[in-house]
Amino acid sequence: MENVKTSRNVAILIYENVEILDFTGPYEVFITGSNRGKDFNVYTVAEKEHPVITLGKLSINPKYSIENCPPPDILIIPGGWGSRKEMKNETIINWINTISTETEIVLSVCTGALILAKTNHIDGLKLTTNRLAFNELREVAPKSSELLEEVRYVDNGKFIFSAGVSAGIDASLYVIERLFGEERALKTATIMEYEWNKNHFYSY
């Protein structure tokens, strides 16, 4: 059964040296699965409203800064080498701490989990990330959390963690399935010509 909420804001955080597919993959999923723009308002947000240089030197102009973005219903936190810097960025961490209290879903992609691990919200949760960053995540995550290594994504209810890079697409399709049903998610994957990997772990 479809959720009756008419439209959701999907904020995708970007920052210096963010991994391109970590944020463009989910962006594509939510745009494609939006029922011609009726169900999701998708936008990028950065700490400041000036161009962000990604891994690979792509310049992206964020739609909003954290000061003026619409309140998100869904927050996407992508990874990339820049996540190691952003996890120490108190402005971003404080913003996530604040905004996450009101969001319906927070999804970390790849090493976006390192950023989310520095917030106040993940005690006791099950986590995953890029397989190359397992040790880094163990070092910064609360001792009460549990790292799962053989999944594409793990759902804790509000907080969803995906594995590396392309796993963000799988997790985003799962979010659409959770909100609108499997048929909508499969249709989205078909339009994208993407083979959805549903190897995940439910924990709530």
Protein backbone atom coordinates (compact mmCIF):
# COMPACT_ATOMS: atom_id res chain seq x y z
CA MET A 1 0.00 0.00 0.00
CA GLU A 2 1.33 3.44 -0.90
CA ASN A 3 2.11 5.98 1.78
CA VAL A 4 -0.44 8.81 1.57
CA LYS A 5 2.14 11.60 1.99
CA THR A 6 1.91 13.62 -1.23
CA SER A 7 5.48 14.83 -1.75
CA ARG A 8 8.82 14.48 0.00
CA ASN A 9 11.88 16.70 -0.04
CA VAL A 10 15.03 14.70 -0.77
CA ALA A 11 18.18 16.58 0.24
CA ILE A 12 21.49 15.24 -1.03
CA LEU A 13 24.49 16.59 0.85
CA ILE A 14 27.54 17.40 -1.28
CA TYR A 15 31.00 18.56 -0.24
CA GLU A 16 34.56 18.82 -1.53
CA ASN A 17 35.87 15.49 -2.89
CA VAL A 18 32.53 13.73 -2.67
CA GLU A 19 32.31 10.55 -4.78
CA ILE A 20 30.28 11.34 -7.91
CA LEU A 21 28.19 8.16 -8.12
CA ASP A 22 27.49 8.27 -4.38
CA PHE A 23 25.24 11.28 -4.90
CA THR A 24 24.28 11.11 -8.58
CA GLY A 25 23.11 7.48 -8.26
CA PRO A 26 20.51 8.26 -5.58
CA TYR A 27 19.65 11.51 -7.38
CA GLU A 28 18.80 9.54 -10.52
CA VAL A 29 16.77 6.97 -8.58
CA PHE A 30 14.58 9.55 -6.85
CA ILE A 31 14.12 11.64 -9.99
CA THR A 32 13.22 8.56 -12.05
CA GLY A 33 10.95 7.14 -9.35
CA SER A 34 9.19 10.42 -8.63
CA ASN A 35 6.04 9.80 -10.70
CA ARG A 36 6.80 12.71 -13.03
CA GLY A 37 7.94 14.94 -10.22
CA LYS A 38 4.90 14.43 -8.01
CA ASP A 39 6.43 12.38 -5.20
CA PHE A 40 9.96 13.72 -4.67
CA ASN A 41 11.51 17.17 -4.75
CA VAL A 42 15.20 16.33 -5.12
CA TYR A 43 17.94 18.89 -4.52
CA THR A 44 21.58 19.20 -3.53
CA VAL A 45 22.72 21.03 -0.41
CA ALA A 46 26.18 22.06 0.75
CA GLU A 47 27.62 23.89 3.72
CA LYS A 48 27.82 27.04 1.64
CA GLU A 49 26.15 28.07 -1.58
CA HIS A 50 29.19 28.01 -3.85
CA PRO A 51 30.58 25.43 -6.32
CA VAL A 52 31.71 22.09 -4.89
CA ILE A 53 34.55 20.19 -6.57
CA THR A 54 33.98 16.44 -6.50
CA LEU A 55 36.42 13.59 -6.86
CA GLY A 56 37.43 13.72 -10.51
CA LYS A 57 37.27 17.55 -10.49
CA LEU A 58 33.63 17.92 -11.51
CA SER A 59 32.25 21.29 -10.41
CA ILE A 60 28.72 21.17 -8.95
CA ASN A 61 26.62 24.15 -7.94
CA PRO A 62 24.51 23.16 -4.92
CA LYS A 63 20.88 24.18 -5.08
CA TYR A 64 20.90 25.29 -1.45
CA SER A 65 23.16 25.84 1.53
CA ILE A 66 22.44 24.28 4.89
CA GLU A 67 21.17 27.70 5.96
CA ASN A 68 18.38 28.00 3.39
CA CYS A 69 17.46 24.51 2.18
CA PRO A 70 13.87 23.28 2.52
CA PRO A 71 13.42 20.89 5.47
CA PRO A 72 14.23 17.44 4.09
CA ASP A 73 12.01 14.42 4.55
CA ILE A 74 14.83 12.24 3.24
CA LEU A 75 18.50 13.11 3.74
CA ILE A 76 21.21 11.43 1.65
CA ILE A 77 24.79 11.52 2.96
CA PRO A 78 27.20 10.31 0.25
CA GLY A 79 30.80 9.26 0.72
CA GLY A 80 34.12 9.93 -0.96
CA TRP A 81 37.59 10.93 0.19
CA GLY A 82 36.14 14.20 1.42
CA SER A 83 34.11 12.36 4.04
CA ARG A 84 37.23 12.10 6.21
CA LYS A 85 37.30 15.89 6.41
CA GLU A 86 33.54 16.35 6.74
CA MET A 87 33.33 13.91 9.65
CA LYS A 88 35.39 16.49 11.58
CA ASN A 89 33.34 19.46 10.34
CA GLU A 90 31.34 20.53 13.39
CA THR A 91 29.05 22.75 11.31
CA ILE A 92 27.95 19.82 9.14
CA ILE A 93 27.71 17.38 12.05
CA ASN A 94 25.60 19.82 14.06
CA TRP A 95 23.34 20.40 11.05
CA ILE A 96 22.84 16.66 10.56
CA ASN A 97 22.16 16.23 14.27
CA THR A 98 19.49 18.91 14.14
CA ILE A 99 17.87 18.07 10.81
CA SER A 100 17.78 14.32 11.48
CA THR A 101 15.35 14.75 14.33
CA GLU A 102 12.69 15.82 11.82
CA THR A 103 13.52 13.66 8.79
CA GLU A 104 11.67 10.50 7.87
CA ILE A 105 14.75 8.71 6.49
CA VAL A 106 18.50 9.33 6.62
CA LEU A 107 20.53 7.29 4.11
CA SER A 108 24.32 7.13 4.15
CA VAL A 109 26.12 5.92 1.04
CA CYS A 110 29.58 4.36 1.17
CA THR A 111 31.86 6.35 3.51
CA GLY A 112 29.04 8.75 4.23
CA ALA A 113 28.72 6.37 7.18
CA LEU A 114 31.85 7.97 8.66
CA ILE A 115 30.05 11.31 8.75
CA LEU A 116 26.87 9.84 10.18
CA ALA A 117 28.90 7.94 12.79
CA LYS A 118 29.98 11.26 14.30
CA THR A 119 26.40 12.32 15.01
CA ASN A 120 24.33 11.59 18.10
CA HIS A 121 21.89 9.23 16.42
CA ILE A 122 23.46 5.84 15.73
CA ASP A 123 24.01 4.19 19.11
CA GLY A 124 23.00 0.54 18.89
CA LEU A 125 22.38 0.58 15.15
CA LYS A 126 23.57 -1.88 12.52
CA LEU A 127 25.92 -0.25 10.02
CA THR A 128 27.70 -0.90 6.76
CA THR A 129 29.98 1.02 4.40
CA ASN A 130 32.49 0.50 1.61
CA ARG A 131 34.43 -2.69 2.29
CA LEU A 132 37.69 -0.70 2.13
CA ALA A 133 36.51 1.51 5.00
CA PHE A 134 35.33 -1.12 7.51
CA ASN A 135 38.25 -0.49 9.87
CA GLU A 136 37.79 3.28 9.71
CA LEU A 137 34.12 2.92 10.58
CA ARG A 138 34.89 0.59 13.48
CA GLU A 139 37.20 3.22 14.92
CA VAL A 140 34.65 6.04 14.92
CA ALA A 141 31.31 4.28 15.39
CA PRO A 142 29.77 3.83 18.85
CA LYS A 143 30.78 0.58 20.53
CA SER A 144 27.10 -0.29 20.81
CA SER A 145 26.72 -0.40 17.02
CA GLU A 146 27.32 -3.47 14.85
CA LEU A 147 29.12 -3.46 11.50
CA LEU A 148 27.69 -5.80 8.84
CA GLU A 149 30.13 -6.66 6.06
CA GLU A 150 28.19 -8.82 3.61
CA VAL A 151 25.20 -6.62 2.77
CA ARG A 152 24.38 -3.96 0.19
CA TYR A 153 22.34 -1.98 2.69
CA VAL A 154 20.89 -2.24 6.18
CA ASP A 155 17.63 -0.67 7.38
CA ASN A 156 17.33 0.48 10.99
CA GLY A 157 14.04 2.29 10.47
CA LYS A 158 14.96 5.96 10.13
CA PHE A 159 18.64 5.31 9.46
CA ILE A 160 19.71 3.26 6.43
CA PHE A 161 23.35 2.51 5.62
CA SER A 162 24.56 1.32 2.22
CA ALA A 163 27.81 -0.30 1.16
CA GLY A 164 30.18 1.21 -1.38
CA VAL A 165 29.41 3.54 -4.29
CA SER A 166 26.82 1.77 -6.50
CA ALA A 167 25.14 0.30 -3.41
CA GLY A 168 23.61 3.73 -2.93
CA ILE A 169 21.46 3.03 -5.98
CA ASP A 170 20.26 -0.26 -4.47
CA ALA A 171 19.47 1.39 -1.15
CA SER A 172 17.62 4.25 -2.86
CA LEU A 173 15.50 1.77 -4.80
CA TYR A 174 14.77 0.09 -1.48
CA VAL A 175 13.58 3.42 -0.04
CA ILE A 176 11.16 3.75 -2.95
CA GLU A 177 9.98 0.20 -2.31
CA ARG A 178 9.46 0.98 1.36
CA LEU A 179 7.45 4.11 0.59
CA PHE A 180 5.54 3.10 -2.55
CA GLY A 181 5.86 -0.66 -2.94
CA GLU A 182 7.98 -3.10 -4.90
CA GLU A 183 6.23 -2.43 -8.22
CA ARG A 184 7.29 1.22 -8.20
CA ALA A 185 10.87 0.32 -7.28
CA LEU A 186 11.13 -2.35 -9.98
CA LYS A 187 9.69 0.04 -12.57
CA THR A 188 12.28 2.63 -11.57
CA ALA A 189 15.10 0.10 -11.92
CA THR A 190 13.75 -1.00 -15.31
CA ILE A 191 13.62 2.56 -16.63
CA MET A 192 17.21 3.03 -15.46
CA GLU A 193 18.17 -0.33 -17.03
CA TYR A 194 19.70 -1.24 -13.66
CA GLU A 195 19.78 -4.69 -12.07
CA TRP A 196 18.67 -4.10 -8.50
CA ASN A 197 20.75 -5.98 -5.91
CA LYS A 198 18.46 -6.64 -2.95
CA ASN A 199 21.02 -8.35 -0.70
CA HIS A 200 20.20 -6.39 2.42
CA PHE A 201 19.50 -6.80 6.12
CA TYR A 202 16.35 -5.72 7.95
CA SER A 203 16.88 -4.81 11.58
CA TYR A 204 13.65 -3.20 12.73
